N, C-alpha and C. Protein backbone atom coordinates (compact mmCIF):
# COMPACT_ATOMS: atom_id res chain seq x y z
N MET A 1 155.23 11.70 17.24
CA MET A 1 156.45 11.58 16.45
C MET A 1 157.51 12.47 17.08
N LYS A 2 158.68 11.90 17.27
CA LYS A 2 159.81 12.63 17.82
C LYS A 2 160.86 12.77 16.73
N ILE A 3 161.42 13.97 16.59
CA ILE A 3 162.47 14.22 15.60
C ILE A 3 163.76 14.53 16.35
N ILE A 4 164.78 13.72 16.09
CA ILE A 4 166.07 13.87 16.75
C ILE A 4 167.11 14.26 15.71
N PHE A 5 167.86 15.32 15.98
CA PHE A 5 168.90 15.77 15.07
C PHE A 5 170.26 15.27 15.55
N THR A 6 171.00 14.60 14.68
CA THR A 6 172.37 14.22 15.02
C THR A 6 173.22 15.49 15.03
N GLU A 7 174.37 15.41 15.65
CA GLU A 7 175.29 16.56 15.67
C GLU A 7 175.69 16.94 14.25
N HIS A 8 175.89 15.93 13.42
CA HIS A 8 176.26 16.19 12.02
C HIS A 8 175.15 16.96 11.31
N ALA A 9 173.90 16.55 11.51
CA ALA A 9 172.76 17.22 10.87
C ALA A 9 172.66 18.67 11.35
N LYS A 10 172.85 18.90 12.65
CA LYS A 10 172.81 20.26 13.20
C LYS A 10 173.90 21.11 12.56
N PHE A 11 175.09 20.56 12.46
CA PHE A 11 176.22 21.28 11.87
C PHE A 11 175.95 21.63 10.42
N GLU A 12 175.48 20.66 9.64
CA GLU A 12 175.22 20.89 8.21
C GLU A 12 174.08 21.88 7.99
N ALA A 13 173.03 21.81 8.80
CA ALA A 13 171.92 22.75 8.68
C ALA A 13 172.40 24.17 8.94
N LEU A 14 173.20 24.35 9.97
CA LEU A 14 173.74 25.67 10.30
C LEU A 14 174.68 26.16 9.20
N ARG A 15 175.58 25.30 8.76
CA ARG A 15 176.55 25.66 7.71
C ARG A 15 175.87 26.02 6.40
N ARG A 16 174.78 25.34 6.11
CA ARG A 16 174.08 25.55 4.83
C ARG A 16 172.93 26.55 4.94
N GLY A 17 172.72 27.10 6.12
CA GLY A 17 171.68 28.10 6.31
C GLY A 17 170.26 27.58 6.15
N ILE A 18 170.02 26.38 6.68
CA ILE A 18 168.70 25.76 6.57
C ILE A 18 168.04 25.80 7.95
N ALA A 19 166.89 26.43 8.03
CA ALA A 19 166.18 26.59 9.30
C ALA A 19 165.59 25.26 9.79
N GLU A 20 165.65 25.06 11.10
CA GLU A 20 165.14 23.83 11.70
C GLU A 20 163.65 23.65 11.44
N ASP A 21 162.88 24.73 11.47
CA ASP A 21 161.44 24.60 11.24
C ASP A 21 161.13 24.14 9.82
N LEU A 22 161.96 24.54 8.85
CA LEU A 22 161.79 24.08 7.47
C LEU A 22 162.09 22.58 7.37
N ILE A 23 163.14 22.15 8.05
CA ILE A 23 163.50 20.72 8.06
C ILE A 23 162.37 19.89 8.65
N ILE A 24 161.84 20.35 9.77
CA ILE A 24 160.75 19.63 10.44
C ILE A 24 159.51 19.55 9.54
N SER A 25 159.20 20.65 8.85
CA SER A 25 158.01 20.63 7.98
C SER A 25 158.17 19.66 6.81
N VAL A 26 159.40 19.52 6.30
CA VAL A 26 159.64 18.57 5.21
C VAL A 26 159.53 17.13 5.72
N ILE A 27 159.98 16.88 6.94
CA ILE A 27 159.85 15.54 7.52
C ILE A 27 158.38 15.20 7.75
N GLU A 28 157.62 16.16 8.28
CA GLU A 28 156.21 15.92 8.61
C GLU A 28 155.32 15.86 7.37
N ARG A 29 155.63 16.67 6.34
CA ARG A 29 154.79 16.73 5.14
C ARG A 29 155.64 16.81 3.87
N PRO A 30 156.39 15.76 3.57
CA PRO A 30 157.23 15.80 2.37
C PRO A 30 156.40 15.74 1.09
N GLN A 31 156.87 16.43 0.06
CA GLN A 31 156.22 16.30 -1.24
C GLN A 31 156.57 14.95 -1.86
N GLN A 32 157.76 14.46 -1.54
CA GLN A 32 158.17 13.12 -1.98
C GLN A 32 158.94 12.45 -0.84
N ARG A 33 158.79 11.15 -0.79
CA ARG A 33 159.47 10.33 0.22
C ARG A 33 160.10 9.14 -0.51
N LEU A 34 161.41 9.06 -0.49
CA LEU A 34 162.14 8.04 -1.25
C LEU A 34 162.99 7.19 -0.31
N MET A 35 163.38 6.02 -0.80
CA MET A 35 164.31 5.17 -0.05
C MET A 35 165.70 5.33 -0.64
N SER A 36 166.70 5.44 0.23
CA SER A 36 168.08 5.53 -0.25
C SER A 36 168.64 4.13 -0.43
N LYS A 37 169.80 4.06 -1.03
CA LYS A 37 170.45 2.75 -1.23
C LYS A 37 170.83 2.11 0.10
N LYS A 38 171.03 2.93 1.15
CA LYS A 38 171.39 2.41 2.46
C LYS A 38 170.17 2.10 3.32
N GLY A 39 168.96 2.21 2.73
CA GLY A 39 167.75 1.90 3.46
C GLY A 39 167.23 3.05 4.31
N ARG A 40 167.79 4.21 4.12
CA ARG A 40 167.31 5.39 4.84
C ARG A 40 166.21 6.05 4.04
N ILE A 41 165.46 6.92 4.69
CA ILE A 41 164.38 7.65 4.03
C ILE A 41 164.90 9.03 3.65
N ILE A 42 164.56 9.44 2.44
CA ILE A 42 164.87 10.80 2.00
C ILE A 42 163.54 11.51 1.81
N ALA A 43 163.29 12.47 2.70
CA ALA A 43 162.09 13.31 2.59
C ALA A 43 162.52 14.55 1.83
N GLN A 44 161.78 14.91 0.79
CA GLN A 44 162.18 16.08 0.01
C GLN A 44 160.97 16.90 -0.41
N SER A 45 161.22 18.21 -0.48
CA SER A 45 160.18 19.15 -0.91
C SER A 45 160.84 20.34 -1.60
N LYS A 46 160.12 20.87 -2.58
CA LYS A 46 160.56 22.09 -3.25
C LYS A 46 160.05 23.28 -2.43
N TYR A 47 160.84 24.35 -2.42
CA TYR A 47 160.44 25.56 -1.72
C TYR A 47 161.17 26.75 -2.34
N TYR A 48 160.67 27.95 -2.06
CA TYR A 48 161.33 29.15 -2.57
C TYR A 48 162.30 29.64 -1.50
N ASP A 49 163.57 29.70 -1.85
CA ASP A 49 164.61 30.15 -0.93
C ASP A 49 164.84 31.65 -1.14
N LYS A 50 164.51 32.44 -0.12
CA LYS A 50 164.64 33.90 -0.22
C LYS A 50 166.09 34.35 -0.36
N ILE A 51 167.00 33.66 0.28
CA ILE A 51 168.42 34.02 0.21
C ILE A 51 168.97 33.74 -1.19
N GLU A 52 168.66 32.58 -1.73
CA GLU A 52 169.12 32.21 -3.07
C GLU A 52 168.31 32.93 -4.15
N GLY A 53 167.08 33.31 -3.82
CA GLY A 53 166.21 33.99 -4.77
C GLY A 53 165.67 33.09 -5.87
N LYS A 54 165.50 31.80 -5.53
CA LYS A 54 164.98 30.86 -6.52
C LYS A 54 164.42 29.63 -5.84
N GLU A 55 163.74 28.80 -6.63
CA GLU A 55 163.21 27.54 -6.11
C GLU A 55 164.37 26.59 -5.83
N MET A 56 164.29 25.94 -4.68
CA MET A 56 165.31 24.98 -4.28
C MET A 56 164.61 23.69 -3.86
N LEU A 57 165.38 22.63 -3.76
CA LEU A 57 164.89 21.35 -3.28
C LEU A 57 165.60 21.07 -1.97
N LEU A 58 164.83 20.85 -0.91
CA LEU A 58 165.41 20.49 0.38
C LEU A 58 165.29 18.99 0.55
N ARG A 59 166.41 18.34 0.82
CA ARG A 59 166.44 16.88 1.02
C ARG A 59 166.89 16.61 2.45
N VAL A 60 166.11 15.81 3.16
CA VAL A 60 166.39 15.46 4.54
C VAL A 60 166.53 13.95 4.63
N VAL A 61 167.70 13.49 5.02
CA VAL A 61 167.96 12.05 5.14
C VAL A 61 167.72 11.64 6.59
N VAL A 62 166.80 10.69 6.77
CA VAL A 62 166.43 10.27 8.12
C VAL A 62 166.41 8.75 8.24
N ILE A 63 166.53 8.29 9.48
CA ILE A 63 166.30 6.89 9.82
C ILE A 63 165.02 6.89 10.65
N GLU A 64 164.03 6.08 10.22
CA GLU A 64 162.76 6.00 10.93
C GLU A 64 162.77 4.74 11.79
N SER A 65 162.35 4.93 13.05
CA SER A 65 162.29 3.81 13.98
C SER A 65 161.18 4.06 14.98
N ALA A 66 160.20 3.17 15.03
CA ALA A 66 159.08 3.25 15.97
C ALA A 66 158.37 4.61 15.90
N GLY A 67 158.21 5.13 14.69
CA GLY A 67 157.51 6.39 14.52
C GLY A 67 158.34 7.63 14.81
N ASN A 68 159.59 7.43 15.17
CA ASN A 68 160.51 8.55 15.43
C ASN A 68 161.47 8.70 14.25
N TYR A 69 161.99 9.90 14.11
CA TYR A 69 162.90 10.19 13.00
C TYR A 69 164.22 10.72 13.52
N LYS A 70 165.31 10.11 13.07
CA LYS A 70 166.64 10.58 13.41
C LYS A 70 167.22 11.22 12.15
N VAL A 71 167.45 12.53 12.19
CA VAL A 71 167.95 13.26 11.04
C VAL A 71 169.45 13.02 10.92
N ILE A 72 169.86 12.45 9.80
CA ILE A 72 171.27 12.13 9.55
C ILE A 72 171.98 13.31 8.91
N THR A 73 171.38 13.87 7.87
CA THR A 73 171.94 15.04 7.20
C THR A 73 170.83 15.75 6.45
N VAL A 74 171.14 16.95 6.01
CA VAL A 74 170.18 17.78 5.30
C VAL A 74 170.94 18.67 4.32
N TYR A 75 170.36 18.83 3.13
CA TYR A 75 170.98 19.75 2.18
C TYR A 75 169.95 20.27 1.20
N LYS A 76 170.28 21.42 0.61
CA LYS A 76 169.41 22.02 -0.39
C LYS A 76 170.17 22.08 -1.71
N THR A 77 169.41 22.02 -2.80
CA THR A 77 170.03 22.06 -4.12
C THR A 77 169.10 22.77 -5.09
N SER A 78 169.69 23.42 -6.06
CA SER A 78 168.89 24.04 -7.12
C SER A 78 168.67 23.05 -8.27
N ARG A 79 169.34 21.91 -8.20
CA ARG A 79 169.24 20.90 -9.26
C ARG A 79 168.16 19.87 -8.94
N SER A 80 166.93 20.36 -8.77
CA SER A 80 165.84 19.46 -8.42
C SER A 80 165.59 18.41 -9.49
N ASP A 81 165.91 18.72 -10.75
CA ASP A 81 165.70 17.77 -11.84
C ASP A 81 166.54 16.50 -11.64
N LYS A 82 167.64 16.60 -10.90
CA LYS A 82 168.50 15.46 -10.66
C LYS A 82 167.87 14.48 -9.65
N TYR A 83 167.10 15.01 -8.70
CA TYR A 83 166.57 14.20 -7.60
C TYR A 83 165.06 14.00 -7.62
N TRP A 84 164.34 14.89 -8.30
CA TRP A 84 162.88 14.85 -8.28
C TRP A 84 162.36 13.71 -9.14
N ILE A 85 161.48 12.90 -8.59
CA ILE A 85 160.88 11.80 -9.32
C ILE A 85 159.64 12.32 -10.03
N LYS A 86 159.66 12.33 -11.33
CA LYS A 86 158.52 12.82 -12.12
C LYS A 86 157.30 11.96 -11.84
N GLY A 87 156.17 12.63 -11.62
CA GLY A 87 154.93 11.92 -11.35
C GLY A 87 154.86 11.31 -9.97
N GLY A 88 155.87 11.63 -9.14
CA GLY A 88 155.93 11.04 -7.79
C GLY A 88 155.34 11.89 -6.71
């Protein structure tokens, strides 16, 4: 599996203080994997953010093709209840 970061994804990860190794771990082992309205995959996992001092949800939007992943964007949110699928 190859993971490719778009320039936009690199910029947003840096701006939002999200480590590349955390992004990769969510892509490789997401707690939930959802489809977006545009047909993209959203890999998401809850984690404890030391900087924020609380549980956060990391969402990674990717396009999957031939077993490879192209990271479109990435963001973290404290509003996991908005995005988390119960029982999923």
